[in-house]
N, C-alpha and C. Protein backbone atom coordinates (compact mmCIF):
# COMPACT_ATOMS: atom_id res chain seq x y z
N MET A 1 36.07 -208.06 137.33
CA MET A 1 34.66 -208.08 137.09
C MET A 1 34.35 -208.59 135.69
N ARG A 2 35.11 -208.15 134.72
CA ARG A 2 34.90 -208.57 133.34
C ARG A 2 35.20 -210.07 133.18
N LEU A 3 36.20 -210.56 133.86
CA LEU A 3 36.55 -211.98 133.80
C LEU A 3 35.42 -212.84 134.36
N ASN A 4 34.78 -212.39 135.41
CA ASN A 4 33.64 -213.13 135.98
C ASN A 4 32.52 -213.28 134.95
N LYS A 5 32.25 -212.22 134.20
CA LYS A 5 31.21 -212.28 133.17
C LYS A 5 31.57 -213.27 132.07
N ILE A 6 32.83 -213.29 131.68
CA ILE A 6 33.29 -214.22 130.65
C ILE A 6 33.14 -215.66 131.13
N VAL A 7 33.54 -215.92 132.34
CA VAL A 7 33.42 -217.26 132.91
C VAL A 7 31.95 -217.67 133.01
N LEU A 8 31.10 -216.76 133.43
CA LEU A 8 29.67 -217.04 133.54
C LEU A 8 29.07 -217.36 132.19
N ILE A 9 29.39 -216.58 131.18
CA ILE A 9 28.86 -216.80 129.83
C ILE A 9 29.37 -218.14 129.28
N ALA A 10 30.63 -218.42 129.47
CA ALA A 10 31.21 -219.69 128.99
C ALA A 10 30.56 -220.88 129.67
N SER A 11 30.30 -220.78 130.96
CA SER A 11 29.67 -221.90 131.66
C SER A 11 28.22 -222.10 131.22
N LEU A 12 27.53 -221.02 130.90
CA LEU A 12 26.15 -221.14 130.41
C LEU A 12 26.10 -221.77 129.02
N ILE A 13 27.10 -221.49 128.22
CA ILE A 13 27.16 -222.07 126.88
C ILE A 13 27.54 -223.54 126.94
N LEU A 14 28.49 -223.90 127.78
CA LEU A 14 28.98 -225.27 127.85
C LEU A 14 28.11 -226.20 128.69
N ALA A 15 27.38 -225.70 129.62
CA ALA A 15 26.59 -226.55 130.53
C ALA A 15 25.62 -227.48 129.80
N PRO A 16 24.84 -226.99 128.84
CA PRO A 16 23.92 -227.92 128.16
C PRO A 16 24.64 -229.01 127.39
N THR A 17 25.77 -228.72 126.79
CA THR A 17 26.49 -229.74 126.02
C THR A 17 27.11 -230.77 126.94
N LEU A 18 27.52 -230.38 128.12
CA LEU A 18 28.10 -231.34 129.06
C LEU A 18 27.02 -232.24 129.67
N ALA A 19 25.85 -231.70 129.86
CA ALA A 19 24.77 -232.48 130.47
C ALA A 19 24.30 -233.59 129.54
N PHE A 20 24.44 -233.39 128.24
CA PHE A 20 23.97 -234.38 127.28
C PHE A 20 25.13 -235.12 126.63
N ALA A 21 26.24 -235.23 127.31
CA ALA A 21 27.45 -235.76 126.71
C ALA A 21 27.33 -237.21 126.24
N ALA A 22 26.86 -238.11 127.06
CA ALA A 22 26.84 -239.52 126.68
C ALA A 22 25.45 -240.11 126.89
N LYS A 23 24.78 -240.41 125.78
CA LYS A 23 23.46 -241.02 125.83
C LYS A 23 23.44 -242.24 124.92
N PRO A 24 22.58 -243.18 125.20
CA PRO A 24 22.48 -244.34 124.31
C PRO A 24 21.94 -243.93 122.94
N VAL A 25 22.59 -244.43 121.90
CA VAL A 25 22.19 -244.13 120.54
C VAL A 25 21.56 -245.36 119.89
N LYS A 26 22.13 -246.52 120.18
CA LYS A 26 21.68 -247.77 119.56
C LYS A 26 21.91 -248.92 120.53
N ILE A 27 20.96 -249.85 120.57
CA ILE A 27 21.11 -251.05 121.40
C ILE A 27 20.95 -252.25 120.48
N THR A 28 22.01 -253.04 120.36
CA THR A 28 22.04 -254.18 119.45
C THR A 28 22.01 -255.48 120.24
N PRO A 29 21.07 -256.39 119.93
CA PRO A 29 21.04 -257.68 120.63
C PRO A 29 22.24 -258.55 120.26
N GLY A 30 22.71 -259.29 121.23
CA GLY A 30 23.82 -260.19 121.02
C GLY A 30 23.40 -261.62 121.32
N PRO A 31 24.35 -262.45 121.66
CA PRO A 31 24.05 -263.87 121.86
C PRO A 31 23.35 -264.16 123.20
N THR A 32 22.65 -265.28 123.24
CA THR A 32 22.08 -265.78 124.48
C THR A 32 23.16 -266.62 125.15
N LYS A 33 23.34 -266.43 126.44
CA LYS A 33 24.39 -267.12 127.19
C LYS A 33 23.79 -267.80 128.42
N THR A 34 24.58 -268.63 129.06
CA THR A 34 24.18 -269.29 130.29
C THR A 34 25.18 -268.95 131.38
N HIS A 35 24.68 -268.51 132.53
CA HIS A 35 25.55 -268.17 133.65
C HIS A 35 26.19 -269.45 134.19
N GLU A 36 27.49 -269.44 134.34
CA GLU A 36 28.22 -270.64 134.75
C GLU A 36 27.81 -271.15 136.12
N ALA A 37 27.64 -270.26 137.08
CA ALA A 37 27.37 -270.68 138.46
C ALA A 37 25.92 -271.13 138.67
N THR A 38 24.97 -270.39 138.09
CA THR A 38 23.55 -270.67 138.36
C THR A 38 22.86 -271.46 137.25
N GLY A 39 23.41 -271.44 136.05
CA GLY A 39 22.77 -272.10 134.93
C GLY A 39 21.64 -271.29 134.31
N GLU A 40 21.42 -270.08 134.82
CA GLU A 40 20.35 -269.21 134.32
C GLU A 40 20.74 -268.63 132.96
N LYS A 41 19.78 -268.57 132.03
CA LYS A 41 20.04 -268.01 130.71
C LYS A 41 19.81 -266.50 130.72
N TYR A 42 20.63 -265.79 129.97
CA TYR A 42 20.50 -264.35 129.81
C TYR A 42 20.96 -263.98 128.42
N ARG A 43 20.64 -262.77 127.99
CA ARG A 43 21.05 -262.30 126.68
C ARG A 43 21.86 -261.04 126.81
N GLU A 44 22.93 -260.96 126.02
CA GLU A 44 23.79 -259.78 126.05
C GLU A 44 23.37 -258.81 124.95
N TYR A 45 23.43 -257.53 125.25
CA TYR A 45 23.15 -256.46 124.29
C TYR A 45 24.32 -255.48 124.31
N ILE A 46 24.58 -254.85 123.19
CA ILE A 46 25.65 -253.85 123.11
C ILE A 46 25.00 -252.47 122.97
N VAL A 47 25.34 -251.58 123.88
CA VAL A 47 24.83 -250.20 123.87
C VAL A 47 25.88 -249.31 123.22
N GLU A 48 25.50 -248.65 122.15
CA GLU A 48 26.38 -247.67 121.52
C GLU A 48 25.98 -246.30 122.04
N CYS A 49 26.96 -245.57 122.55
CA CYS A 49 26.70 -244.27 123.17
C CYS A 49 27.06 -243.13 122.23
N SER A 50 26.51 -241.96 122.50
CA SER A 50 26.75 -240.79 121.65
C SER A 50 28.20 -240.33 121.67
N ASN A 51 28.98 -240.78 122.66
CA ASN A 51 30.39 -240.41 122.71
C ASN A 51 31.27 -241.41 121.95
N GLY A 52 30.63 -242.39 121.27
CA GLY A 52 31.38 -243.35 120.45
C GLY A 52 31.77 -244.63 121.16
N LYS A 53 31.54 -244.73 122.46
CA LYS A 53 31.92 -245.92 123.20
C LYS A 53 30.78 -246.94 123.18
N LYS A 54 31.13 -248.21 123.36
CA LYS A 54 30.15 -249.29 123.40
C LYS A 54 30.30 -250.04 124.71
N TYR A 55 29.17 -250.35 125.33
CA TYR A 55 29.16 -251.08 126.59
C TYR A 55 28.19 -252.24 126.52
N PRO A 56 28.51 -253.35 127.16
CA PRO A 56 27.56 -254.46 127.20
C PRO A 56 26.57 -254.31 128.36
N ILE A 57 25.31 -254.67 128.11
CA ILE A 57 24.32 -254.82 129.17
C ILE A 57 23.67 -256.19 128.95
N GLU A 58 22.95 -256.67 129.94
CA GLU A 58 22.36 -258.00 129.84
C GLU A 58 20.90 -257.98 130.28
N SER A 59 20.11 -258.85 129.67
CA SER A 59 18.72 -259.02 130.11
C SER A 59 18.60 -260.36 130.82
N TRP A 60 17.95 -260.33 131.97
CA TRP A 60 17.75 -261.51 132.81
C TRP A 60 16.25 -261.70 133.05
N THR A 61 15.86 -262.86 133.47
CA THR A 61 14.49 -263.18 133.86
C THR A 61 13.50 -262.75 132.77
N SER A 62 13.69 -263.29 131.57
CA SER A 62 12.80 -263.01 130.43
C SER A 62 12.63 -261.52 130.17
N ARG A 63 13.74 -260.81 130.16
CA ARG A 63 13.79 -259.36 129.87
C ARG A 63 13.05 -258.53 130.91
N LYS A 64 12.99 -259.00 132.14
CA LYS A 64 12.36 -258.23 133.21
C LYS A 64 13.40 -257.54 134.08
N LYS A 65 14.65 -257.93 133.93
CA LYS A 65 15.74 -257.31 134.71
C LYS A 65 16.88 -257.00 133.74
N TRP A 66 17.32 -255.75 133.74
CA TRP A 66 18.40 -255.29 132.85
C TRP A 66 19.59 -254.87 133.70
N CYS A 67 20.74 -255.45 133.40
CA CYS A 67 21.92 -255.22 134.24
C CYS A 67 23.12 -254.78 133.40
N LEU A 68 24.03 -254.09 134.07
CA LEU A 68 25.33 -253.83 133.46
C LEU A 68 26.02 -255.18 133.31
N ALA A 69 27.01 -255.26 132.47
CA ALA A 69 27.65 -256.54 132.17
C ALA A 69 28.04 -257.31 133.43
N GLN A 70 27.62 -258.55 133.49
CA GLN A 70 27.86 -259.42 134.63
C GLN A 70 27.32 -258.81 135.92
N GLY A 71 26.25 -258.04 135.79
CA GLY A 71 25.69 -257.34 136.94
C GLY A 71 24.80 -258.23 137.78
N ILE A 72 25.40 -259.01 138.62
CA ILE A 72 24.64 -259.90 139.49
C ILE A 72 24.09 -259.12 140.68
N ALA A 73 24.80 -258.08 141.09
CA ALA A 73 24.35 -257.27 142.23
C ALA A 73 23.12 -256.46 141.85
N GLU A 74 22.13 -256.38 142.72
CA GLU A 74 20.88 -255.68 142.44
C GLU A 74 21.08 -254.19 142.19
N ASP A 75 22.12 -253.58 142.76
CA ASP A 75 22.32 -252.15 142.55
C ASP A 75 22.84 -251.84 141.14
N GLU A 76 23.14 -252.87 140.35
CA GLU A 76 23.58 -252.69 138.97
C GLU A 76 22.52 -253.17 137.99
N CYS A 77 21.27 -253.33 138.46
CA CYS A 77 20.18 -253.81 137.61
C CYS A 77 18.96 -252.90 137.72
N TRP A 78 18.18 -252.84 136.64
CA TRP A 78 16.98 -252.03 136.58
C TRP A 78 15.87 -252.81 135.90
N LYS A 79 14.64 -252.33 136.02
CA LYS A 79 13.50 -252.99 135.39
C LYS A 79 13.36 -252.61 133.91
N LYS A 80 13.98 -251.51 133.51
CA LYS A 80 13.85 -251.04 132.13
C LYS A 80 15.20 -251.02 131.43
N GLN A 81 15.17 -251.43 130.17
CA GLN A 81 16.38 -251.48 129.35
C GLN A 81 17.03 -250.12 129.22
N ILE A 82 16.24 -249.08 129.01
CA ILE A 82 16.79 -247.75 128.79
C ILE A 82 17.54 -247.23 130.01
N LYS A 83 17.09 -247.57 131.21
CA LYS A 83 17.79 -247.13 132.42
C LYS A 83 19.17 -247.76 132.51
N ALA A 84 19.26 -249.06 132.19
CA ALA A 84 20.56 -249.73 132.20
C ALA A 84 21.47 -249.15 131.12
N ALA A 85 20.90 -248.87 129.95
CA ALA A 85 21.68 -248.30 128.86
C ALA A 85 22.21 -246.91 129.21
N LYS A 86 21.36 -246.08 129.81
CA LYS A 86 21.80 -244.74 130.22
C LYS A 86 22.90 -244.81 131.26
N LYS A 87 22.76 -245.71 132.23
CA LYS A 87 23.77 -245.86 133.27
C LYS A 87 25.10 -246.32 132.66
N ALA A 88 25.03 -247.23 131.70
CA ALA A 88 26.25 -247.70 131.05
C ALA A 88 26.95 -246.55 130.32
N CYS A 89 26.19 -245.74 129.60
CA CYS A 89 26.78 -244.61 128.87
C CYS A 89 27.32 -243.53 129.79
N LYS A 90 26.72 -243.38 130.96
CA LYS A 90 27.20 -242.37 131.91
C LYS A 90 28.38 -242.87 132.72
N GLY A 91 28.90 -244.03 132.37
CA GLY A 91 30.07 -244.55 133.07
C GLY A 91 29.69 -245.28 134.33
N GLY A 92 28.62 -246.07 134.24
CA GLY A 92 28.24 -246.92 135.36
C GLY A 92 29.41 -247.81 135.72
N LYS A 93 29.21 -248.74 136.57
CA LYS A 93 30.32 -249.56 137.02
C LYS A 93 30.32 -250.93 136.32
N PRO A 94 30.46 -250.96 134.98
CA PRO A 94 30.52 -252.27 134.36
C PRO A 94 31.78 -252.99 134.78
N LYS A 95 31.68 -254.28 135.01
CA LYS A 95 32.85 -255.04 135.44
C LYS A 95 33.78 -255.34 134.27
N ASN A 96 33.28 -255.17 133.05
CA ASN A 96 34.10 -255.35 131.86
C ASN A 96 34.36 -253.97 131.25
N PRO A 97 35.49 -253.77 130.61
CA PRO A 97 35.76 -252.48 129.96
C PRO A 97 34.85 -252.31 128.75
N PRO A 98 34.82 -251.11 128.17
CA PRO A 98 34.00 -250.90 126.97
C PRO A 98 34.37 -251.91 125.88
N VAL A 99 33.40 -252.26 125.06
CA VAL A 99 33.62 -253.20 123.96
C VAL A 99 34.38 -252.49 122.86
N LYS A 100 35.42 -253.13 122.36
CA LYS A 100 36.22 -252.53 121.28
C LYS A 100 35.84 -253.20 119.96
N ASP A 101 35.88 -252.41 118.90
CA ASP A 101 35.53 -252.94 117.57
C ASP A 101 36.61 -253.85 117.05
């Protein structure tokens, strides 16, 4: 019975910190690029997360579509930059590994 209380208290203390583990801290613009297959221009941004990792995201269609790196599939794109950044920090499915310094 006492062990159950300890586990319950520990989970209540740790739950809020786990829920906020990785969030975007900074988004830095990068270079403008051209997609090889379509010729469409896009811009790369680097998302720095609260856990210290960095992930690339991209803006397409005059910053109206935000995608995980090389995110051509619609399920990897959003209308808002912050949604793409949050997904990247939460371990979305970027096709490239995290950016290393």
